N, C-alpha and C. Protein backbone atom coordinates (compact mmCIF):
# COMPACT_ATOMS: atom_id res chain seq x y z
N MET A 1 35.23 -20.55 52.86
CA MET A 1 34.84 -20.85 54.22
C MET A 1 34.05 -22.15 54.22
N LEU A 2 34.14 -22.86 55.32
CA LEU A 2 33.45 -24.14 55.49
C LEU A 2 32.68 -24.11 56.80
N ARG A 3 31.47 -24.62 56.74
CA ARG A 3 30.66 -24.76 57.95
C ARG A 3 30.41 -26.24 58.16
N ILE A 4 30.66 -26.71 59.37
CA ILE A 4 30.41 -28.10 59.74
C ILE A 4 29.44 -28.09 60.91
N THR A 5 28.27 -28.68 60.70
CA THR A 5 27.25 -28.71 61.72
C THR A 5 26.93 -30.16 62.07
N GLN A 6 26.99 -30.48 63.35
CA GLN A 6 26.61 -31.82 63.77
C GLN A 6 25.09 -31.86 63.77
N ALA A 7 24.53 -32.54 62.76
CA ALA A 7 23.09 -32.55 62.55
C ALA A 7 22.38 -33.52 63.48
N ALA A 8 22.98 -34.65 63.74
CA ALA A 8 22.36 -35.65 64.60
C ALA A 8 23.46 -36.53 65.18
N ALA A 9 23.21 -36.99 66.38
CA ALA A 9 24.19 -37.89 66.99
C ALA A 9 23.48 -38.87 67.91
N GLY A 10 24.01 -40.03 67.92
CA GLY A 10 23.54 -41.06 68.83
C GLY A 10 24.77 -41.72 69.42
N VAL A 11 24.54 -42.77 70.16
CA VAL A 11 25.65 -43.48 70.77
C VAL A 11 26.55 -44.10 69.71
N SER A 12 25.95 -44.64 68.66
CA SER A 12 26.74 -45.36 67.66
C SER A 12 26.97 -44.59 66.36
N ALA A 13 26.28 -43.47 66.15
CA ALA A 13 26.41 -42.77 64.87
C ALA A 13 26.33 -41.26 65.06
N VAL A 14 26.97 -40.55 64.13
CA VAL A 14 26.90 -39.09 64.09
C VAL A 14 26.78 -38.66 62.62
N ILE A 15 25.96 -37.62 62.39
CA ILE A 15 25.80 -37.06 61.04
C ILE A 15 26.29 -35.61 61.10
N CYS A 16 27.18 -35.26 60.18
CA CYS A 16 27.67 -33.88 60.09
C CYS A 16 27.32 -33.31 58.73
N ARG A 17 26.71 -32.14 58.75
CA ARG A 17 26.36 -31.43 57.52
C ARG A 17 27.54 -30.52 57.16
N ILE A 18 28.02 -30.65 55.92
CA ILE A 18 29.16 -29.88 55.43
C ILE A 18 28.66 -28.86 54.41
N GLU A 19 28.96 -27.58 54.64
CA GLU A 19 28.49 -26.51 53.75
C GLU A 19 29.64 -25.58 53.39
N GLY A 20 29.65 -25.13 52.15
CA GLY A 20 30.65 -24.17 51.70
C GLY A 20 31.72 -24.82 50.84
N GLN A 21 32.95 -24.31 50.97
CA GLN A 21 34.06 -24.75 50.14
C GLN A 21 35.10 -25.48 50.98
N LEU A 22 35.46 -26.66 50.54
CA LEU A 22 36.46 -27.48 51.23
C LEU A 22 37.81 -27.20 50.58
N VAL A 23 38.49 -26.16 51.08
CA VAL A 23 39.76 -25.71 50.52
C VAL A 23 40.69 -25.27 51.65
N GLY A 24 41.98 -25.23 51.33
CA GLY A 24 42.97 -24.67 52.25
C GLY A 24 42.93 -25.28 53.63
N GLU A 25 42.96 -24.41 54.65
CA GLU A 25 43.01 -24.86 56.05
C GLU A 25 41.78 -25.64 56.46
N TRP A 26 40.65 -25.45 55.77
CA TRP A 26 39.41 -26.14 56.11
C TRP A 26 39.51 -27.63 55.84
N VAL A 27 40.36 -28.01 54.91
CA VAL A 27 40.56 -29.43 54.61
C VAL A 27 41.12 -30.14 55.84
N ARG A 28 42.13 -29.54 56.44
CA ARG A 28 42.74 -30.12 57.64
C ARG A 28 41.73 -30.19 58.79
N CYS A 29 40.90 -29.16 58.92
CA CYS A 29 39.87 -29.16 59.97
C CYS A 29 38.93 -30.35 59.80
N LEU A 30 38.48 -30.59 58.57
CA LEU A 30 37.58 -31.71 58.33
C LEU A 30 38.30 -33.04 58.57
N GLU A 31 39.55 -33.12 58.16
CA GLU A 31 40.33 -34.33 58.36
C GLU A 31 40.46 -34.66 59.85
N GLU A 32 40.78 -33.66 60.66
CA GLU A 32 40.93 -33.87 62.10
C GLU A 32 39.60 -34.21 62.75
N LEU A 33 38.55 -33.53 62.34
CA LEU A 33 37.22 -33.82 62.89
C LEU A 33 36.81 -35.25 62.54
N GLY A 34 36.99 -35.63 61.29
CA GLY A 34 36.63 -36.98 60.87
C GLY A 34 37.34 -38.05 61.67
N ALA A 35 38.63 -37.85 61.89
CA ALA A 35 39.41 -38.82 62.67
C ALA A 35 38.91 -38.88 64.11
N ALA A 36 38.62 -37.73 64.70
CA ALA A 36 38.12 -37.71 66.08
C ALA A 36 36.75 -38.37 66.19
N LEU A 37 35.88 -38.09 65.22
CA LEU A 37 34.53 -38.68 65.26
C LEU A 37 34.58 -40.19 65.07
N LEU A 38 35.46 -40.66 64.20
CA LEU A 38 35.59 -42.10 63.99
C LEU A 38 36.05 -42.79 65.28
N GLY A 39 36.82 -42.09 66.08
CA GLY A 39 37.27 -42.66 67.34
C GLY A 39 36.16 -42.74 68.38
N ASP A 40 35.15 -41.86 68.25
CA ASP A 40 34.07 -41.78 69.23
C ASP A 40 32.80 -42.52 68.84
N HIS A 41 32.62 -42.77 67.54
CA HIS A 41 31.37 -43.34 67.05
C HIS A 41 31.65 -44.52 66.12
N GLN A 42 30.72 -45.45 66.09
CA GLN A 42 30.86 -46.58 65.18
C GLN A 42 30.60 -46.16 63.74
N ARG A 43 29.75 -45.16 63.55
CA ARG A 43 29.38 -44.74 62.19
C ARG A 43 29.40 -43.23 62.10
N VAL A 44 30.11 -42.71 61.07
CA VAL A 44 30.17 -41.28 60.82
C VAL A 44 29.63 -41.04 59.41
N ILE A 45 28.67 -40.11 59.31
CA ILE A 45 28.05 -39.78 58.02
C ILE A 45 28.31 -38.30 57.74
N LEU A 46 28.86 -38.00 56.56
CA LEU A 46 29.04 -36.63 56.12
C LEU A 46 27.99 -36.32 55.07
N ASP A 47 27.15 -35.35 55.36
CA ASP A 47 26.13 -34.89 54.42
C ASP A 47 26.75 -33.75 53.61
N LEU A 48 27.05 -34.02 52.34
CA LEU A 48 27.73 -33.03 51.49
C LEU A 48 26.76 -32.20 50.66
N GLY A 49 25.48 -32.20 51.01
CA GLY A 49 24.47 -31.47 50.26
C GLY A 49 24.77 -29.98 50.12
N GLY A 50 25.45 -29.40 51.08
CA GLY A 50 25.76 -27.98 51.05
C GLY A 50 27.18 -27.67 50.60
N LEU A 51 27.92 -28.69 50.19
CA LEU A 51 29.29 -28.48 49.73
C LEU A 51 29.27 -27.94 48.31
N SER A 52 29.84 -26.74 48.12
CA SER A 52 29.81 -26.12 46.79
C SER A 52 31.09 -26.40 45.99
N TYR A 53 32.21 -26.70 46.67
CA TYR A 53 33.46 -26.92 45.96
C TYR A 53 34.44 -27.63 46.89
N ALA A 54 35.24 -28.51 46.32
CA ALA A 54 36.35 -29.14 47.05
C ALA A 54 37.57 -29.13 46.15
N ASP A 55 38.69 -28.60 46.66
CA ASP A 55 39.91 -28.64 45.87
C ASP A 55 40.46 -30.07 45.90
N GLN A 56 41.55 -30.32 45.19
CA GLN A 56 42.07 -31.69 45.08
C GLN A 56 42.45 -32.25 46.44
N HIS A 57 43.03 -31.42 47.31
CA HIS A 57 43.38 -31.90 48.65
C HIS A 57 42.11 -32.27 49.42
N GLY A 58 41.04 -31.48 49.25
CA GLY A 58 39.77 -31.80 49.89
C GLY A 58 39.20 -33.12 49.40
N VAL A 59 39.27 -33.35 48.11
CA VAL A 59 38.81 -34.62 47.53
C VAL A 59 39.65 -35.77 48.08
N ASP A 60 40.95 -35.56 48.18
CA ASP A 60 41.83 -36.61 48.72
C ASP A 60 41.46 -36.96 50.16
N VAL A 61 41.18 -35.94 50.97
CA VAL A 61 40.81 -36.19 52.37
C VAL A 61 39.46 -36.88 52.45
N LEU A 62 38.51 -36.50 51.62
CA LEU A 62 37.22 -37.21 51.60
C LEU A 62 37.43 -38.67 51.25
N GLN A 63 38.33 -38.93 50.31
CA GLN A 63 38.62 -40.31 49.93
C GLN A 63 39.23 -41.06 51.12
N GLN A 64 40.16 -40.44 51.81
CA GLN A 64 40.78 -41.08 52.97
C GLN A 64 39.75 -41.37 54.06
N LEU A 65 38.84 -40.43 54.27
CA LEU A 65 37.80 -40.62 55.28
C LEU A 65 36.86 -41.76 54.90
N THR A 66 36.49 -41.85 53.63
CA THR A 66 35.61 -42.95 53.21
C THR A 66 36.34 -44.29 53.34
N THR A 67 37.62 -44.31 53.05
CA THR A 67 38.41 -45.53 53.22
C THR A 67 38.44 -45.94 54.69
N ALA A 68 38.45 -44.94 55.59
CA ALA A 68 38.48 -45.21 57.02
C ALA A 68 37.12 -45.61 57.57
N GLY A 69 36.06 -45.47 56.74
CA GLY A 69 34.74 -45.91 57.18
C GLY A 69 33.66 -44.85 57.21
N VAL A 70 33.99 -43.61 56.86
CA VAL A 70 32.99 -42.54 56.82
C VAL A 70 32.06 -42.75 55.63
N THR A 71 30.77 -42.51 55.83
CA THR A 71 29.78 -42.61 54.76
C THR A 71 29.49 -41.20 54.22
N ILE A 72 29.42 -41.06 52.90
CA ILE A 72 29.10 -39.80 52.25
C ILE A 72 27.64 -39.84 51.79
N GLN A 73 26.89 -38.76 52.09
CA GLN A 73 25.50 -38.64 51.64
C GLN A 73 25.31 -37.32 50.92
N ASN A 74 24.32 -37.29 50.05
CA ASN A 74 23.88 -36.07 49.37
C ASN A 74 24.98 -35.35 48.62
N CYS A 75 25.82 -36.11 47.97
CA CYS A 75 26.86 -35.53 47.13
C CYS A 75 26.21 -35.11 45.81
N HIS A 76 26.32 -33.84 45.46
CA HIS A 76 25.73 -33.34 44.21
C HIS A 76 26.31 -34.09 43.02
N PRO A 77 25.50 -34.33 41.99
CA PRO A 77 25.99 -35.06 40.81
C PRO A 77 27.26 -34.47 40.21
N SER A 78 27.38 -33.15 40.15
CA SER A 78 28.60 -32.56 39.58
C SER A 78 29.80 -32.84 40.48
N SER A 79 29.62 -32.79 41.78
CA SER A 79 30.71 -33.10 42.71
C SER A 79 31.08 -34.57 42.61
N ARG A 80 30.06 -35.42 42.51
CA ARG A 80 30.30 -36.86 42.43
C ARG A 80 31.09 -37.18 41.17
N ALA A 81 30.75 -36.53 40.04
CA ALA A 81 31.46 -36.78 38.79
C ALA A 81 32.90 -36.32 38.90
N PHE A 82 33.11 -35.14 39.47
CA PHE A 82 34.47 -34.63 39.65
C PHE A 82 35.26 -35.57 40.55
N SER A 83 34.65 -35.98 41.65
CA SER A 83 35.32 -36.85 42.60
C SER A 83 35.69 -38.19 41.97
N THR A 84 34.77 -38.76 41.22
CA THR A 84 35.00 -40.06 40.62
C THR A 84 36.13 -39.99 39.59
N ARG A 85 36.14 -38.93 38.78
CA ARG A 85 37.19 -38.77 37.77
C ARG A 85 38.56 -38.68 38.41
N ASN A 86 38.61 -38.10 39.59
CA ASN A 86 39.89 -37.88 40.25
C ASN A 86 40.19 -38.92 41.32
N GLY A 87 39.47 -40.04 41.32
CA GLY A 87 39.73 -41.09 42.29
C GLY A 87 39.23 -40.75 43.68
N GLY A 88 38.28 -39.81 43.75
CA GLY A 88 37.79 -39.36 45.04
C GLY A 88 36.68 -40.23 45.58
N PRO A 89 35.97 -39.71 46.58
CA PRO A 89 34.98 -40.52 47.29
C PRO A 89 33.78 -40.86 46.43
N HIS A 90 33.17 -41.93 46.76
CA HIS A 90 31.96 -42.38 46.10
C HIS A 90 30.86 -42.43 47.14
N GLU A 91 29.68 -41.97 46.76
CA GLU A 91 28.57 -41.98 47.70
C GLU A 91 28.20 -43.39 48.03
N ARG A 92 27.96 -43.66 49.30
CA ARG A 92 27.55 -44.98 49.75
C ARG A 92 26.08 -45.00 50.06
């Protein structure tokens, strides 16, 4: 299960806290949300402090979102290492 909470929002930026596991159907939910938020805000920040696991598809979507301009925060060192090894997102 994945929980996405909009932690803060302003006219130009939004921060979303991501908690749980980024797997299966939840990957598509995050992908669609990220695309919608990028259309509405100049800056989108995903706080991954509560993310416990991301499958390969989840890592791929995080990479796509960062390429599109999303900023990643609070990525746990073990997640960051896994992501980096697999060509995934890098914390900005």
